[in-house]
Amino acid sequence: MVFTIVTFILFTALVAIISWYLTKNDNLNTESGYFLGGRSLSATVIAGSMMLTNLSTEQMVGLNAQGFKSGLSVIAWESGASIGIVILALYFLPKYLQGSITTVPEFLEERYDKTVRNIVSVFFLLTLGVAFLPTVLYSGSIAMMRLFNIPELLNISPESAIILSVWMIGIIGSIYAIFGGLKAVAVSDTVNGIGLIIGGLAIPVLGFIYLGEGSMIKGIEYLFQHNPEKLNAIGSKDSQAPFGAAITGMRIMAVYYWCTNQAIIQRALGAKSLKEGQKGVLLTAFLKIIVTPLILVVPGIIAYNIYGNQISGDIVYPVLVNKLLPSKLSGFFGAVLFGAVLSSFNSALNSASTIFSLNIYKPLFSPNISEKNLIKVSKYFGTVLAVFSMIVAPFISKSSGGLFEFIQKVAGLFSVPIAIIVLVGIFSKKTSALAAKVSMGFFVIVYGYTQFISPVKIHFLYVIAILFVICLFLMYIVDKIIPPKKEYSLPVRYEVSVEPWEYRYTVSVMLMSLLVWIYVVFSKIGLLSQSENLKGRIGIITIIFIVLTYFCCIFTRKIEKKN
C-alpha cells in the first residue's frame, strides 16, 4: 500500500509540475489569456484536452456499468459521438472563430438578443452545477475509494470515504481551474490523457489475458464463444442504447455536447487557427471511434463474462480493476483516474466561471469592470460553485437508474433546448429571438414533466427526438405569425487565421466510413452472423468499405480544392 500511495503522489505531482512549467509565463490578467489560453492551443493540446474533459470516471464507472448490462450497443455514446465532433469541425468551429466567440451565450446574444443570452447562461450553469460537476466528483470518489480501499485504510465508513474523496478531488481540481486558467487545465489534460489511454487500455488487455488463461487471443475468442450477444453493436429496444434512440435523440445530445457545450468547445475556441482547431477536433473524433470504446465499454463486457450476475451497477468497473490490476500498478492507475476526474471537474468549473463572468456578471451588474477585476469575480464564483458541487455530490448515490443515465437524463433538460436554438441560429438567418424563447420554454416544461413529474414509459432519448422536431416546427410557426424584423449576419472579427484545413472533408469521410464499418462488423451481418466462412465475410465487407471510402475521398478532394 505504501508503494501504491507513493507512485500515486509522484505521478500526480509530475503532472502539476509539467503544467506549471509550461504555463508559468502566460499572462492570466486578460480575458483571452485566462479564459481561452491566449488563443494559442495546438491541435494536440486541443485533442488531448477535449478527450480528457469528456473521458472521466463518470463514464468509466457509469458507461462500463451499461456495457455490463447491455453490451457493445452502448458504444453509440462513444463511437457515435464522432458524428457530432465532425459537425463541430466542419460547420460550427468556422463560425465561432470567424466571430471570435468566447462563449456560446455570447454568440446567442449576437444572434438573438440579451434575454436569450441570459436564459442560456443560466441553463449552462444549471447543467454544469446541478448535473455534471457533482456527478464527476461522485463517480471519481467511488473509483478512488474502491481502488485504494479507503474505508479499510482509514477505518471509516464507505459513506465517509466518499465524502473525503469528493472534497480531496474538488479542492485540487479547483486549484487548477481557478488559479491556472484554461491553458493550465488544457496542458494538464494532455499529460493526464497520455496516462489515461495507457492505463485505460491496460484493463481490457489484462481482462482478455485473464479470460484466455494467459493468452490475449484466446480471451478475445472467449467473448465470442460465451455471451456473444453482448458484442452486438446494434442495440435492441430493451437495451440502454436502443438503435433507434442511438440515431435520433442520442445524436441530438451529441450535437449539444460536442458543438455547443462550453466545457468542451472552449478548447477549440482557444485554437491558434481554424486549421489547427479542425485538426485537433478531428483527431478527437478518431480517438472517440477507436480508443474510448475499449476503455469505457469493453471492460464492462469482460466483467460480465467473469462475474455473470454476481455484481451489478456502478461498482462493476472498480471491482474489475481491483481484480485485474497488479498491485504495483495501482498507484499509477489511481493517479491516472484522479487526473481524469480532475480534468472533467476543472474543465467544467473553468467554463462555468467563464460563462458567469462574461455573460451574467459583466453585462448585468458591472459593464465597465476591468479585466483584472473580472477575473477575480470568476475565481470567486468558481470557488462557490466548487463548494456547492462538493456538498451535493454524495447525495447522487440516492439516484436510481445508474450513474451515466442519470447525468444524461438531467443534462437533457437544459442542453437540448440550447442545441436547438444554436443549430437554428447557425443555419438560419431569419429565426427570431421570440421563436427561440418559445422553443426553450416549451421543451423544458414538456421534457421536465415527462421525465421527472409524470415519467413516461418511452425511452428518454425518443422523447428528446420527438420534442426536437416539435420545437423546430414551433419556431417556424412563431416566425410565420410574428416575422422577424431583420436577417442576421455573423460579424467578422478575425483574432486568428480562419483558413480551413485542406483535408478536413477527406478525413471526415474516412472517419464516418470507419464508424459505419464498426457497426456492420459487430452485428448479425458481420461477426455475429453464424456464417461458416466468417473471415471471408468480414474480408468482403472490409473491401467494400475501402472501395466506397476511396471514391468518396476522391469526390471530397475535388470539393476541397474548389474551396
Protein backbone atom coordinates (compact mmCIF):
# COMPACT_ATOMS: atom_id res chain seq x y z
CA MET A 1 0.00 0.00 0.00
CA VAL A 2 2.89 2.37 0.75
CA PHE A 3 4.31 1.83 -2.76
CA THR A 4 0.86 2.47 -4.23
CA ILE A 5 0.45 5.76 -2.37
CA VAL A 6 3.98 6.92 -3.27
CA THR A 7 3.54 6.23 -7.01
CA PHE A 8 0.15 7.94 -6.91
CA ILE A 9 1.63 11.06 -5.35
CA LEU A 10 4.66 11.09 -7.68
CA PHE A 11 2.63 10.90 -10.92
CA THR A 12 0.09 13.44 -9.70
CA ALA A 13 2.92 15.79 -8.71
CA LEU A 14 4.63 15.27 -12.09
CA VAL A 15 1.51 16.42 -13.93
CA ALA A 16 1.27 19.50 -11.73
CA ILE A 17 4.95 20.40 -12.26
CA ILE A 18 4.74 20.00 -16.06
CA SER A 19 1.57 22.10 -16.18
CA TRP A 20 3.15 24.83 -14.05
CA TYR A 21 6.37 24.88 -16.10
CA LEU A 22 4.60 25.13 -19.47
CA THR A 23 2.25 27.91 -18.33
CA LYS A 24 4.34 29.88 -15.84
CA ASN A 25 4.96 32.74 -18.28
CA ASP A 26 1.38 33.03 -19.53
CA ASN A 27 -0.48 36.27 -19.00
CA LEU A 28 -3.56 35.43 -16.91
CA ASN A 29 -4.64 39.02 -16.38
CA THR A 30 -6.58 39.32 -19.65
CA GLU A 31 -9.85 37.74 -20.72
CA SER A 32 -8.23 35.96 -23.67
CA GLY A 33 -5.27 34.75 -21.60
CA TYR A 34 -7.33 33.44 -18.68
CA PHE A 35 -10.45 32.12 -20.43
CA LEU A 36 -9.04 30.98 -23.81
CA GLY A 37 -5.37 30.28 -23.16
CA GLY A 38 -4.41 33.34 -25.22
CA ARG A 39 -5.87 31.62 -28.33
CA SER A 40 -2.64 29.65 -28.63
CA LEU A 41 -3.69 25.99 -28.31
CA SER A 42 -2.26 23.47 -30.78
CA ALA A 43 -4.10 20.52 -32.34
CA THR A 44 -2.51 18.01 -29.95
CA VAL A 45 -3.41 20.02 -26.86
CA ILE A 46 -6.97 20.59 -28.14
CA ALA A 47 -7.49 16.87 -28.81
CA GLY A 48 -5.91 15.83 -25.51
CA SER A 49 -7.94 18.32 -23.51
CA MET A 50 -11.24 17.61 -25.29
CA MET A 51 -10.73 13.88 -24.80
CA LEU A 52 -9.88 14.07 -21.13
CA THR A 53 -12.59 16.64 -20.40
CA ASN A 54 -15.02 14.11 -21.87
CA LEU A 55 -13.31 10.95 -20.63
CA SER A 56 -13.66 10.75 -16.87
CA THR A 57 -14.76 8.39 -14.16
CA GLU A 58 -18.45 9.21 -14.54
CA GLN A 59 -18.06 7.45 -17.89
CA MET A 60 -15.50 4.83 -16.83
CA VAL A 61 -17.78 3.87 -13.96
CA GLY A 62 -21.20 4.61 -15.47
CA LEU A 63 -20.73 3.54 -19.08
CA ASN A 64 -18.94 0.30 -18.19
CA ALA A 65 -21.91 -0.48 -15.94
CA GLN A 66 -24.13 -0.02 -19.01
CA GLY A 67 -21.77 -2.17 -21.07
CA PHE A 68 -22.03 -4.85 -18.37
CA LYS A 69 -25.82 -4.79 -18.73
CA SER A 70 -26.43 -4.04 -22.42
CA GLY A 71 -23.17 -4.97 -24.14
CA LEU A 72 -21.44 -3.28 -27.05
CA SER A 73 -24.54 -1.34 -28.14
CA VAL A 74 -23.67 1.45 -25.69
CA ILE A 75 -20.70 2.42 -27.88
CA ALA A 76 -23.34 4.63 -29.50
CA TRP A 77 -22.49 7.13 -26.75
CA GLU A 78 -18.80 6.97 -27.66
CA SER A 79 -18.06 5.96 -31.24
CA GLY A 80 -21.34 7.53 -32.33
CA ALA A 81 -20.28 10.83 -30.76
CA SER A 82 -17.80 11.24 -33.63
CA ILE A 83 -20.72 12.44 -35.80
CA GLY A 84 -21.22 15.47 -33.55
CA ILE A 85 -17.47 16.10 -33.43
CA VAL A 86 -17.20 16.12 -37.23
CA ILE A 87 -20.10 18.58 -37.39
CA LEU A 88 -18.20 20.83 -34.96
CA ALA A 89 -15.08 20.73 -37.15
CA LEU A 90 -16.84 21.39 -40.46
CA TYR A 91 -19.63 23.82 -39.58
CA PHE A 92 -19.67 25.22 -36.03
CA LEU A 93 -15.98 25.94 -35.39
CA PRO A 94 -15.52 28.09 -38.53
CA LYS A 95 -18.48 30.23 -37.44
CA TYR A 96 -17.25 30.54 -33.87
CA LEU A 97 -13.73 31.56 -34.87
CA GLN A 98 -14.97 33.92 -37.58
CA GLY A 99 -16.79 35.90 -34.92
CA SER A 100 -14.02 35.46 -32.30
CA ILE A 101 -16.63 33.95 -29.98
CA THR A 102 -15.55 33.36 -26.38
CA THR A 103 -18.73 31.69 -25.10
CA VAL A 104 -21.86 30.19 -26.67
CA PRO A 105 -24.16 32.63 -24.80
CA GLU A 106 -22.11 35.46 -26.34
CA PHE A 107 -22.90 34.07 -29.80
CA LEU A 108 -26.59 33.74 -28.90
CA GLU A 109 -26.75 37.35 -27.73
CA GLU A 110 -25.50 38.49 -31.14
CA ARG A 111 -27.75 36.02 -32.94
CA TYR A 112 -30.95 36.64 -30.94
CA ASP A 113 -30.90 39.09 -28.00
CA LYS A 114 -29.68 39.64 -24.43
CA THR A 115 -32.60 37.77 -22.87
CA VAL A 116 -31.73 34.60 -24.79
CA ARG A 117 -28.12 35.02 -23.65
CA ASN A 118 -29.23 35.27 -20.03
CA ILE A 119 -31.56 32.26 -20.23
CA VAL A 120 -28.92 30.07 -21.89
CA SER A 121 -26.25 31.20 -19.42
CA VAL A 122 -28.48 30.07 -16.56
CA PHE A 123 -29.20 26.79 -18.39
CA PHE A 124 -25.47 26.15 -18.79
CA LEU A 125 -24.77 26.86 -15.14
CA LEU A 126 -27.63 24.60 -14.01
CA THR A 127 -26.42 21.78 -16.26
CA LEU A 128 -22.85 22.08 -15.02
CA GLY A 129 -23.59 22.86 -11.37
CA VAL A 130 -26.52 20.50 -10.69
CA ALA A 131 -25.78 17.56 -13.02
CA PHE A 132 -22.22 17.46 -14.32
CA LEU A 133 -19.86 18.69 -11.59
CA PRO A 134 -21.40 16.75 -8.68
CA THR A 135 -21.61 13.59 -10.80
CA VAL A 136 -17.95 13.82 -11.78
CA LEU A 137 -16.97 14.17 -8.13
CA TYR A 138 -19.20 11.31 -7.04
CA SER A 139 -18.02 8.88 -9.73
CA GLY A 140 -14.42 9.80 -9.03
CA SER A 141 -14.88 9.21 -5.33
CA ILE A 142 -16.32 5.72 -5.96
CA ALA A 143 -13.36 4.76 -8.13
CA MET A 144 -10.76 6.15 -5.71
CA MET A 145 -12.47 4.64 -2.66
CA ARG A 146 -12.52 1.13 -4.12
CA LEU A 147 -9.11 1.30 -5.77
CA PHE A 148 -7.33 2.35 -2.58
CA ASN A 149 -9.81 0.64 -0.22
CA ILE A 150 -10.10 3.89 1.73
CA PRO A 151 -12.68 2.66 4.29
CA GLU A 152 -10.35 -0.09 5.48
CA LEU A 153 -7.21 2.04 5.17
CA LEU A 154 -8.59 4.85 7.32
CA ASN A 155 -11.08 2.75 9.34
CA ILE A 156 -14.07 4.82 8.25
CA SER A 157 -17.46 4.03 6.72
CA PRO A 158 -17.93 3.90 2.92
CA GLU A 159 -20.14 6.99 3.13
CA SER A 160 -17.39 8.92 4.96
CA ALA A 161 -14.83 7.66 2.43
CA ILE A 162 -16.95 9.03 -0.43
CA ILE A 163 -17.25 12.43 1.25
CA LEU A 164 -13.49 12.54 1.93
CA SER A 165 -12.66 11.60 -1.68
CA VAL A 166 -15.14 14.15 -3.06
CA TRP A 167 -13.55 17.01 -1.12
CA MET A 168 -10.00 15.94 -1.96
CA ILE A 169 -10.77 15.82 -5.69
CA GLY A 170 -12.79 19.02 -5.57
CA ILE A 171 -10.16 21.08 -3.76
CA ILE A 172 -7.27 20.04 -6.01
CA GLY A 173 -9.36 20.41 -9.18
CA SER A 174 -10.44 23.87 -8.08
CA ILE A 175 -6.83 24.97 -7.71
CA TYR A 176 -6.14 24.08 -11.36
CA ALA A 177 -9.28 25.74 -12.71
CA ILE A 178 -9.41 28.84 -10.51
CA PHE A 179 -5.75 29.81 -10.39
CA GLY A 180 -4.37 28.37 -13.63
CA GLY A 181 -6.93 29.38 -16.26
CA LEU A 182 -7.77 27.41 -19.40
CA LYS A 183 -4.24 26.73 -20.59
CA ALA A 184 -3.15 25.16 -17.31
CA VAL A 185 -6.26 22.97 -17.49
CA ALA A 186 -5.58 22.03 -21.14
CA VAL A 187 -1.89 21.19 -20.57
CA SER A 188 -2.64 19.04 -17.51
CA ASP A 189 -5.39 17.34 -19.53
CA THR A 190 -2.94 16.43 -22.28
CA VAL A 191 -0.39 14.93 -19.87
CA ASN A 192 -3.08 13.06 -17.94
CA GLY A 193 -4.63 11.95 -21.24
CA ILE A 194 -1.50 10.03 -22.21
CA GLY A 195 -1.53 8.25 -18.87
CA LEU A 196 -5.26 7.57 -19.08
CA ILE A 197 -5.05 5.98 -22.51
CA ILE A 198 -2.17 3.75 -21.36
CA GLY A 199 -3.82 2.83 -18.07
CA GLY A 200 -7.32 2.59 -19.52
CA LEU A 201 -6.27 0.25 -22.33
CA ALA A 202 -4.38 -1.93 -19.85
CA ILE A 203 -7.65 -3.05 -18.23
CA PRO A 204 -9.24 -4.71 -21.32
CA VAL A 205 -5.86 -6.21 -22.26
CA LEU A 206 -5.48 -7.74 -18.78
CA GLY A 207 -9.12 -8.82 -18.98
CA PHE A 208 -8.58 -10.66 -22.26
CA ILE A 209 -5.49 -12.35 -20.81
CA TYR A 210 -7.46 -13.40 -17.73
CA LEU A 211 -10.32 -14.87 -19.80
CA GLY A 212 -7.84 -16.62 -22.10
CA GLU A 213 -5.88 -18.04 -19.16
CA GLY A 214 -2.71 -16.26 -20.22
CA SER A 215 -3.50 -15.75 -23.91
CA MET A 216 -4.97 -12.46 -25.11
CA ILE A 217 -6.15 -14.00 -28.40
CA LYS A 218 -7.93 -16.82 -26.60
CA GLY A 219 -9.51 -14.26 -24.30
CA ILE A 220 -10.99 -12.39 -27.28
CA GLU A 221 -12.24 -15.70 -28.68
CA TYR A 222 -13.80 -16.43 -25.28
CA LEU A 223 -16.03 -13.35 -25.64
CA PHE A 224 -17.40 -14.63 -28.95
CA GLN A 225 -17.95 -18.13 -27.59
CA HIS A 226 -19.64 -17.05 -24.35
CA ASN A 227 -22.42 -14.47 -24.36
CA PRO A 228 -21.79 -13.31 -27.98
CA GLU A 229 -24.99 -11.25 -27.82
CA LYS A 230 -23.03 -8.76 -25.71
CA LEU A 231 -20.90 -7.95 -28.78
CA ASN A 232 -23.80 -6.73 -30.91
CA ALA A 233 -23.37 -3.01 -31.59
CA ILE A 234 -26.99 -2.75 -32.74
CA GLY A 235 -28.95 -2.21 -29.54
CA SER A 236 -32.29 -3.93 -29.03
CA LYS A 237 -35.35 -1.99 -27.88
CA ASP A 238 -34.80 -3.28 -24.33
CA SER A 239 -31.16 -2.21 -24.12
CA GLN A 240 -29.90 1.00 -22.54
CA ALA A 241 -28.94 2.25 -26.00
CA PRO A 242 -31.61 1.03 -28.46
CA PHE A 243 -30.51 1.56 -32.05
CA GLY A 244 -33.49 3.78 -32.85
CA ALA A 245 -32.58 6.09 -29.97
CA ALA A 246 -28.92 5.96 -30.99
CA ILE A 247 -29.67 7.51 -34.39
CA THR A 248 -32.23 10.04 -33.12
CA GLY A 249 -32.19 11.51 -29.62
CA MET A 250 -28.66 10.43 -28.87
CA ARG A 251 -27.33 12.25 -31.92
CA ILE A 252 -29.14 15.41 -30.82
CA MET A 253 -27.46 15.10 -27.41
CA ALA A 254 -24.13 14.68 -29.22
CA VAL A 255 -24.64 17.89 -31.21
CA TYR A 256 -25.24 19.77 -27.96
CA TYR A 257 -22.32 18.19 -26.16
CA TRP A 258 -19.69 18.48 -28.88
CA CYS A 259 -20.89 21.59 -30.74
CA THR A 260 -22.36 23.87 -28.07
CA ASN A 261 -21.24 22.66 -24.62
CA GLN A 262 -18.93 25.38 -23.31
CA ALA A 263 -16.85 22.93 -21.25
CA ILE A 264 -15.93 21.05 -24.44
CA ILE A 265 -15.74 23.65 -27.21
CA GLN A 266 -13.78 26.14 -25.11
CA ARG A 267 -10.64 24.18 -26.03
CA ALA A 268 -11.40 24.54 -29.74
CA LEU A 269 -12.21 28.24 -29.27
CA GLY A 270 -8.71 28.66 -27.88
CA ALA A 271 -7.10 27.28 -31.08
CA LYS A 272 -4.26 29.27 -32.63
CA SER A 273 -6.02 28.96 -36.02
CA LEU A 274 -9.03 27.32 -37.64
CA LYS A 275 -6.72 24.84 -39.36
CA GLU A 276 -5.19 23.80 -36.04
CA GLY A 277 -8.61 23.65 -34.40
CA GLN A 278 -10.03 21.38 -37.11
CA LYS A 279 -7.04 19.05 -36.87
CA GLY A 280 -7.46 18.79 -33.11
CA VAL A 281 -11.21 18.25 -33.28
CA LEU A 282 -10.97 15.54 -35.96
CA LEU A 283 -8.19 13.80 -34.02
CA THR A 284 -10.62 13.74 -31.11
CA ALA A 285 -13.22 12.09 -33.36
CA PHE A 286 -10.75 9.35 -34.30
CA LEU A 287 -9.94 8.66 -30.65
CA LYS A 288 -13.66 8.51 -29.81
CA ILE A 289 -14.28 5.91 -32.52
CA ILE A 290 -11.37 3.60 -31.73
CA VAL A 291 -9.95 4.17 -28.24
CA THR A 292 -12.79 5.11 -25.92
CA PRO A 293 -14.99 2.01 -26.54
CA LEU A 294 -12.04 -0.14 -25.46
CA ILE A 295 -11.73 1.87 -22.25
CA LEU A 296 -15.38 2.64 -21.48
CA VAL A 297 -17.43 -0.33 -22.74
CA VAL A 298 -15.32 -3.45 -23.30
CA PRO A 299 -14.23 -3.76 -19.63
CA GLY A 300 -17.92 -3.93 -18.67
CA ILE A 301 -18.43 -6.82 -21.11
CA ILE A 302 -15.35 -8.58 -19.74
CA ALA A 303 -16.68 -8.11 -16.21
CA TYR A 304 -19.96 -9.78 -17.23
CA ASN A 305 -18.04 -12.78 -18.55
CA ILE A 306 -16.09 -13.02 -15.29
CA TYR A 307 -18.82 -12.34 -12.72
CA GLY A 308 -22.10 -13.00 -14.50
CA ASN A 309 -24.92 -11.62 -12.37
CA GLN A 310 -22.92 -11.68 -9.13
CA ILE A 311 -22.32 -7.90 -9.31
CA SER A 312 -24.10 -5.01 -10.98
CA GLY A 313 -24.42 -1.25 -11.11
CA ASP A 314 -21.73 1.35 -10.66
CA ILE A 315 -19.33 -0.94 -8.78
CA VAL A 316 -18.64 -3.07 -11.90
CA TYR A 317 -15.59 -1.16 -13.14
CA PRO A 318 -13.87 -0.60 -9.76
CA VAL A 319 -14.34 -4.28 -8.86
CA LEU A 320 -12.87 -5.39 -12.21
CA VAL A 321 -9.87 -3.06 -11.84
CA ASN A 322 -9.15 -4.41 -8.36
CA LYS A 323 -9.26 -7.95 -9.68
CA LEU A 324 -7.10 -7.48 -12.79
CA LEU A 325 -4.59 -4.78 -11.97
CA PRO A 326 -1.26 -5.82 -10.39
CA SER A 327 -0.79 -4.11 -7.04
CA LYS A 328 2.42 -2.41 -8.20
CA LEU A 329 0.47 -0.55 -10.90
CA SER A 330 -2.45 0.52 -8.74
CA GLY A 331 -0.73 3.75 -7.67
CA PHE A 332 -0.12 4.80 -11.29
CA PHE A 333 -3.64 3.81 -12.32
CA GLY A 334 -5.08 5.67 -9.35
CA ALA A 335 -3.17 8.79 -10.37
CA VAL A 336 -4.47 8.41 -13.93
CA LEU A 337 -8.06 8.09 -12.72
CA PHE A 338 -7.50 11.01 -10.38
CA GLY A 339 -6.21 13.07 -13.30
CA ALA A 340 -9.25 12.14 -15.38
CA VAL A 341 -11.59 13.27 -12.64
CA LEU A 342 -9.63 16.49 -12.17
CA SER A 343 -9.76 17.13 -15.89
CA SER A 344 -13.52 16.90 -16.22
CA PHE A 345 -14.09 18.76 -12.97
CA ASN A 346 -11.69 21.64 -13.53
CA SER A 347 -12.67 22.00 -17.20
CA ALA A 348 -16.35 22.30 -16.35
CA LEU A 349 -15.57 24.62 -13.44
CA ASN A 350 -13.45 26.84 -15.68
CA SER A 351 -16.22 27.00 -18.29
CA ALA A 352 -18.90 27.75 -15.71
CA SER A 353 -16.80 30.58 -14.31
CA THR A 354 -16.24 31.91 -17.83
CA ILE A 355 -19.97 31.96 -18.59
CA PHE A 356 -20.89 33.56 -15.26
CA SER A 357 -18.22 36.27 -15.54
CA LEU A 358 -18.62 37.21 -19.21
CA ASN A 359 -22.32 36.55 -19.78
CA ILE A 360 -24.01 37.27 -16.46
CA TYR A 361 -21.91 39.39 -14.08
CA LYS A 362 -20.27 41.77 -16.56
CA PRO A 363 -23.31 42.66 -18.75
CA LEU A 364 -25.87 42.70 -15.93
CA PHE A 365 -24.00 44.06 -12.91
CA SER A 366 -20.76 45.77 -13.93
CA PRO A 367 -20.44 46.60 -17.67
CA ASN A 368 -17.31 48.72 -17.13
CA ILE A 369 -15.44 46.28 -14.91
CA SER A 370 -11.73 45.92 -15.64
CA GLU A 371 -10.33 42.62 -16.97
CA LYS A 372 -8.33 42.15 -13.76
CA ASN A 373 -11.39 42.51 -11.52
CA LEU A 374 -13.49 40.37 -13.83
CA ILE A 375 -11.02 37.54 -13.44
CA LYS A 376 -11.27 37.96 -9.65
CA VAL A 377 -15.04 37.62 -9.90
CA SER A 378 -14.55 34.47 -11.97
CA LYS A 379 -12.32 32.99 -9.27
CA TYR A 380 -14.79 33.82 -6.50
CA PHE A 381 -17.67 32.27 -8.42
CA GLY A 382 -15.60 29.18 -9.22
CA THR A 383 -14.86 28.73 -5.54
CA VAL A 384 -18.54 28.97 -4.57
CA LEU A 385 -19.63 26.58 -7.33
CA ALA A 386 -16.90 24.09 -6.40
CA VAL A 387 -18.00 24.06 -2.75
CA PHE A 388 -21.65 23.65 -3.79
CA SER A 389 -20.73 20.68 -6.03
CA MET A 390 -18.74 19.04 -3.25
CA ILE A 391 -21.73 19.33 -0.91
CA VAL A 392 -24.20 17.92 -3.46
CA ALA A 393 -22.04 15.08 -4.87
CA PRO A 394 -22.51 12.48 -2.07
CA PHE A 395 -26.31 12.65 -2.50
CA ILE A 396 -26.11 11.24 -6.06
CA SER A 397 -25.88 7.76 -4.52
CA LYS A 398 -29.62 8.14 -3.83
CA SER A 399 -30.44 8.32 -7.56
CA SER A 400 -31.92 5.33 -9.36
CA GLY A 401 -31.25 4.03 -12.87
CA GLY A 402 -27.48 4.19 -12.88
CA LEU A 403 -24.94 6.97 -12.81
CA PHE A 404 -24.43 7.52 -16.55
CA GLU A 405 -28.14 7.52 -17.39
CA PHE A 406 -28.81 9.91 -14.51
CA ILE A 407 -26.41 12.56 -15.80
CA GLN A 408 -27.65 12.20 -19.39
CA LYS A 409 -31.31 12.49 -18.41
CA VAL A 410 -30.78 15.55 -16.21
CA ALA A 411 -28.48 17.20 -18.76
CA GLY A 412 -31.12 16.77 -21.45
CA LEU A 413 -33.47 19.13 -19.61
CA PHE A 414 -31.35 22.18 -20.42
CA SER A 415 -28.83 21.02 -23.01
CA VAL A 416 -31.18 20.08 -25.85
CA PRO A 417 -33.02 23.45 -25.89
CA ILE A 418 -29.61 25.11 -26.23
CA ALA A 419 -28.64 22.77 -29.07
CA ILE A 420 -31.87 23.55 -30.91
CA ILE A 421 -31.51 27.34 -30.89
CA VAL A 422 -27.76 27.25 -31.65
CA LEU A 423 -28.36 24.88 -34.56
CA VAL A 424 -31.12 27.08 -35.97
CA GLY A 425 -29.06 30.20 -35.26
CA ILE A 426 -26.11 28.86 -37.25
CA PHE A 427 -28.06 27.68 -40.29
CA SER A 428 -30.95 30.17 -40.42
CA LYS A 429 -30.68 33.94 -40.86
CA LYS A 430 -34.34 34.74 -40.20
CA THR A 431 -35.34 32.98 -36.96
CA SER A 432 -36.36 35.46 -34.25
CA ALA A 433 -35.48 35.74 -30.56
CA LEU A 434 -39.14 35.19 -29.69
CA ALA A 435 -39.14 31.85 -31.52
CA ALA A 436 -36.01 30.81 -29.60
CA LYS A 437 -37.60 31.69 -26.24
CA VAL A 438 -40.86 29.87 -27.02
CA SER A 439 -38.91 26.79 -28.12
CA MET A 440 -36.78 26.69 -24.96
CA GLY A 441 -39.74 27.20 -22.65
CA PHE A 442 -41.83 24.55 -24.39
CA PHE A 443 -39.02 21.95 -24.29
CA VAL A 444 -38.12 22.48 -20.61
CA ILE A 445 -41.75 22.27 -19.47
CA VAL A 446 -42.74 19.21 -21.52
CA TYR A 447 -39.48 17.28 -21.08
CA GLY A 448 -39.33 18.05 -17.36
CA TYR A 449 -42.92 16.87 -16.91
CA THR A 450 -42.42 13.60 -18.85
CA GLN A 451 -39.16 12.70 -17.09
CA PHE A 452 -39.38 13.98 -13.53
CA ILE A 453 -43.04 14.71 -12.65
CA SER A 454 -45.08 12.10 -14.51
CA PRO A 455 -42.50 9.79 -16.15
CA VAL A 456 -43.50 8.19 -19.44
CA LYS A 457 -42.55 4.64 -20.39
CA ILE A 458 -40.86 5.66 -23.65
CA HIS A 459 -37.04 5.94 -23.55
CA PHE A 460 -35.94 9.48 -22.72
CA LEU A 461 -33.88 9.69 -25.94
CA TYR A 462 -37.01 9.14 -28.02
CA VAL A 463 -38.71 11.90 -26.04
CA ILE A 464 -35.80 14.20 -26.90
CA ALA A 465 -36.05 13.34 -30.60
CA ILE A 466 -39.80 13.96 -30.69
CA LEU A 467 -39.55 17.27 -28.83
CA PHE A 468 -36.63 18.32 -31.06
CA VAL A 469 -38.83 18.05 -34.15
CA ILE A 470 -41.77 19.75 -32.44
CA CYS A 471 -39.55 22.65 -31.29
CA LEU A 472 -38.23 23.20 -34.81
CA PHE A 473 -41.78 23.28 -36.13
CA LEU A 474 -42.82 25.58 -33.28
CA MET A 475 -40.05 28.05 -34.13
CA TYR A 476 -41.18 28.01 -37.76
CA ILE A 477 -44.81 28.74 -36.76
CA VAL A 478 -43.82 31.58 -34.41
CA ASP A 479 -41.80 33.23 -37.18
CA LYS A 480 -44.70 32.91 -39.58
CA ILE A 481 -47.11 34.55 -37.14
CA ILE A 482 -44.67 37.25 -35.99
CA PRO A 483 -41.99 37.62 -38.71
CA PRO A 484 -38.52 38.73 -37.56
CA LYS A 485 -37.68 42.35 -38.35
CA LYS A 486 -34.30 41.68 -39.97
CA GLU A 487 -31.95 38.94 -41.13
CA TYR A 488 -28.94 38.00 -39.04
CA SER A 489 -25.39 38.23 -40.31
CA LEU A 490 -22.50 36.88 -38.23
CA PRO A 491 -19.94 39.66 -37.70
CA VAL A 492 -16.39 39.08 -38.90
CA ARG A 493 -13.77 39.62 -36.18
CA TYR A 494 -10.65 37.69 -37.01
CA GLU A 495 -8.38 37.17 -34.00
CA VAL A 496 -6.83 34.05 -35.53
CA SER A 497 -6.48 32.75 -39.09
CA VAL A 498 -9.72 31.18 -40.32
CA GLU A 499 -8.22 29.41 -43.31
CA PRO A 500 -9.66 25.87 -43.12
CA TRP A 501 -7.62 22.66 -43.11
CA GLU A 502 -7.20 21.36 -46.64
CA TYR A 503 -8.04 17.74 -45.75
CA ARG A 504 -10.99 18.35 -43.42
CA TYR A 505 -13.62 16.74 -45.68
CA THR A 506 -11.44 13.79 -46.69
CA VAL A 507 -10.60 12.94 -43.09
CA SER A 508 -14.25 13.37 -42.09
CA VAL A 509 -15.37 10.91 -44.78
CA MET A 510 -12.77 8.37 -43.62
CA LEU A 511 -13.90 8.72 -40.01
CA MET A 512 -17.57 8.24 -40.86
CA SER A 513 -16.75 5.25 -43.04
CA LEU A 514 -14.79 3.70 -40.16
CA LEU A 515 -17.73 4.25 -37.84
CA VAL A 516 -20.21 2.52 -40.17
CA TRP A 517 -17.73 -0.33 -40.74
CA ILE A 518 -17.56 -0.98 -36.98
CA TYR A 519 -21.34 -1.12 -36.73
CA VAL A 520 -21.62 -3.53 -39.67
CA VAL A 521 -18.81 -5.81 -38.47
CA PHE A 522 -20.17 -6.01 -34.90
CA SER A 523 -23.68 -7.02 -35.93
CA LYS A 524 -25.56 -10.04 -37.24
CA ILE A 525 -24.35 -9.10 -40.71
CA GLY A 526 -20.71 -9.43 -39.62
CA LEU A 527 -19.05 -11.28 -36.76
CA LEU A 528 -22.34 -12.45 -35.23
CA SER A 529 -23.75 -13.84 -38.49
CA GLN A 530 -23.21 -17.56 -37.75
CA SER A 531 -21.56 -17.84 -41.18
CA GLU A 532 -19.29 -20.83 -41.82
CA ASN A 533 -16.84 -18.62 -43.72
CA LEU A 534 -16.74 -15.77 -41.21
CA LYS A 535 -13.29 -14.48 -42.19
CA GLY A 536 -14.30 -14.32 -45.83
CA ARG A 537 -17.48 -12.42 -44.98
CA ILE A 538 -15.57 -9.84 -42.91
CA GLY A 539 -12.99 -9.54 -45.68
CA ILE A 540 -15.67 -8.80 -48.30
CA ILE A 541 -17.33 -6.22 -46.03
CA THR A 542 -13.99 -4.54 -45.43
CA ILE A 543 -13.09 -4.43 -49.13
CA ILE A 544 -16.48 -2.91 -49.98
CA PHE A 545 -15.97 -0.19 -47.38
CA ILE A 546 -12.43 0.55 -48.55
CA VAL A 547 -13.59 0.95 -52.17
CA LEU A 548 -16.56 3.14 -51.24
CA THR A 549 -14.39 5.27 -48.97
CA TYR A 550 -11.78 5.68 -51.70
CA PHE A 551 -14.31 7.05 -54.22
CA CYS A 552 -15.92 9.28 -51.59
CA CYS A 553 -12.48 10.70 -50.74
CA ILE A 554 -11.79 11.45 -54.40
CA PHE A 555 -15.08 13.34 -54.58
CA THR A 556 -14.42 15.30 -51.39
CA ARG A 557 -10.90 16.21 -52.52
CA LYS A 558 -12.44 17.92 -55.55
CA ILE A 559 -14.69 19.91 -53.21
CA GLU A 560 -11.72 20.85 -51.01
CA LYS A 561 -9.69 22.08 -53.98
CA LYS A 562 -12.59 24.23 -55.21
CA ASN A 563 -12.88 25.82 -51.78
